[in-house]
């Protein structure tokens, strides 16, 4: 994996958890708006919207650089629209990065001819 691809995956991973947290906070604010006089939906909606757009941009960049299959790319996109999906995306991206680092080290040491 080259440096730009690793960087794209890292950026996607770094934004996935905050995007998931903002989605959960938006849902909480939405419930509070309907049950109390507390209304933070406009502010939280804007924050979540910005994080979601950033996630989609980083997702498209990672898909372009990693050459994921359509199934894998769709999975990462679906995880972005589920309330806790960003946490799962973060975990999967971490495992993918660790596996690629191990493969690169094995190739460098001559253990694997790939």
Protein backbone atom coordinates (compact mmCIF):
# COMPACT_ATOMS: atom_id res chain seq x y z
CA UNK A 1 0.00 0.00 0.00
CA UNK A 2 1.41 3.36 -0.97
CA UNK A 3 1.47 6.40 1.27
CA UNK A 4 -1.50 8.15 -0.38
CA UNK A 5 -3.71 5.09 -0.01
CA UNK A 6 -2.75 4.66 3.64
CA UNK A 7 -3.41 8.35 4.21
CA UNK A 8 -6.86 8.09 2.59
CA UNK A 9 -7.79 5.17 4.83
CA UNK A 10 -6.50 6.99 7.90
CA UNK A 11 -8.55 10.10 7.10
CA UNK A 12 -11.68 8.00 6.64
CA UNK A 13 -11.01 6.19 9.88
CA UNK A 14 -10.42 9.43 11.80
CA UNK A 15 -13.73 10.94 10.71
CA UNK A 16 -15.88 7.79 11.11
CA UNK A 17 -16.13 7.81 14.93
CA UNK A 18 -16.89 11.55 15.30
CA UNK A 19 -19.52 11.21 12.57
CA UNK A 20 -21.14 8.35 14.49
CA UNK A 21 -21.06 10.32 17.75
CA UNK A 22 -22.62 13.36 16.07
CA UNK A 23 -25.39 11.17 14.65
CA UNK A 24 -26.18 9.75 18.09
CA UNK A 25 -26.16 13.26 19.59
CA UNK A 26 -28.47 14.47 16.82
CA UNK A 27 -30.92 11.66 17.60
CA UNK A 28 -30.72 12.53 21.30
CA UNK A 29 -31.32 16.22 20.59
CA UNK A 30 -34.25 15.32 18.37
CA UNK A 31 -35.85 13.30 21.16
CA UNK A 32 -35.20 16.09 23.68
CA UNK A 33 -36.76 18.63 21.33
CA UNK A 34 -40.01 16.68 21.31
CA UNK A 35 -40.08 15.91 25.02
CA UNK A 36 -38.69 19.13 26.55
CA UNK A 37 -38.08 22.76 25.64
CA UNK A 38 -34.44 22.00 24.77
CA UNK A 39 -33.78 22.54 21.06
CA UNK A 40 -30.22 21.92 19.90
CA UNK A 41 -31.30 20.22 16.66
CA UNK A 42 -30.30 23.09 14.32
CA UNK A 43 -26.76 23.31 15.71
CA UNK A 44 -26.28 19.56 16.04
CA UNK A 45 -27.79 19.01 12.61
CA UNK A 46 -25.27 21.35 11.05
CA UNK A 47 -22.35 19.70 12.86
CA UNK A 48 -23.52 16.23 11.84
CA UNK A 49 -24.14 17.39 8.27
CA UNK A 50 -20.61 18.75 7.92
CA UNK A 51 -19.10 15.57 9.37
CA UNK A 52 -21.25 13.40 7.09
CA UNK A 53 -20.18 15.34 3.98
CA UNK A 54 -16.53 15.02 5.04
CA UNK A 55 -17.04 11.27 5.59
CA UNK A 56 -18.53 10.87 2.10
CA UNK A 57 -15.67 12.81 0.51
CA UNK A 58 -13.07 10.72 2.36
CA UNK A 59 -15.02 7.54 1.53
CA UNK A 60 -14.96 8.37 -2.19
CA UNK A 61 -11.22 9.12 -2.03
CA UNK A 62 -10.50 5.87 -0.17
CA UNK A 63 -12.62 3.88 -2.63
CA UNK A 64 -10.75 5.44 -5.55
CA UNK A 65 -7.32 4.76 -4.07
CA UNK A 66 -7.87 1.29 -2.58
CA UNK A 67 -9.83 -0.10 -5.54
CA UNK A 68 -12.40 -1.68 -3.20
CA UNK A 69 -15.06 -3.83 -4.76
CA UNK A 70 -18.50 -2.28 -5.08
CA UNK A 71 -19.67 -4.51 -2.22
CA UNK A 72 -16.96 -3.26 0.16
CA UNK A 73 -17.48 0.38 -0.82
CA UNK A 74 -21.24 0.01 -0.36
CA UNK A 75 -20.70 -1.53 3.07
CA UNK A 76 -18.62 1.45 4.22
CA UNK A 77 -21.25 3.83 2.84
CA UNK A 78 -24.14 2.00 4.53
CA UNK A 79 -22.20 2.11 7.80
CA UNK A 80 -22.13 5.90 7.50
CA UNK A 81 -25.93 6.15 7.54
CA UNK A 82 -26.46 3.82 10.50
CA UNK A 83 -26.42 5.45 13.96
CA UNK A 84 -23.49 3.39 15.30
CA UNK A 85 -22.07 2.32 11.94
CA UNK A 86 -19.11 4.69 12.14
CA UNK A 87 -17.74 2.75 15.09
CA UNK A 88 -17.86 -0.47 13.08
CA UNK A 89 -16.28 1.27 10.08
CA UNK A 90 -13.46 2.51 12.32
CA UNK A 91 -12.80 -1.00 13.60
CA UNK A 92 -12.87 -2.53 10.10
CA UNK A 93 -10.59 0.17 8.68
CA UNK A 94 -8.12 -0.35 11.52
CA UNK A 95 -8.00 -4.08 10.80
CA UNK A 96 -7.56 -3.43 7.08
CA UNK A 97 -4.67 -1.02 7.75
CA UNK A 98 -2.98 -3.46 10.14
CA UNK A 99 -3.29 -6.29 7.62
CA UNK A 100 -1.77 -4.17 4.85
CA UNK A 101 1.13 -3.14 7.10
CA UNK A 102 1.80 -6.78 7.98
CA UNK A 103 1.67 -7.74 4.29
CA UNK A 104 4.07 -4.94 3.38
CA UNK A 105 6.51 -6.03 6.09
CA UNK A 106 6.31 -9.65 4.92
CA UNK A 107 7.01 -8.59 1.33
CA UNK A 108 9.93 -6.44 2.49
CA UNK A 109 11.46 -9.30 4.47
CA UNK A 110 10.97 -11.68 1.57
CA UNK A 111 8.58 -13.96 3.44
CA UNK A 112 5.87 -13.57 0.81
CA UNK A 113 6.26 -13.02 -2.94
CA UNK A 114 3.32 -10.69 -3.44
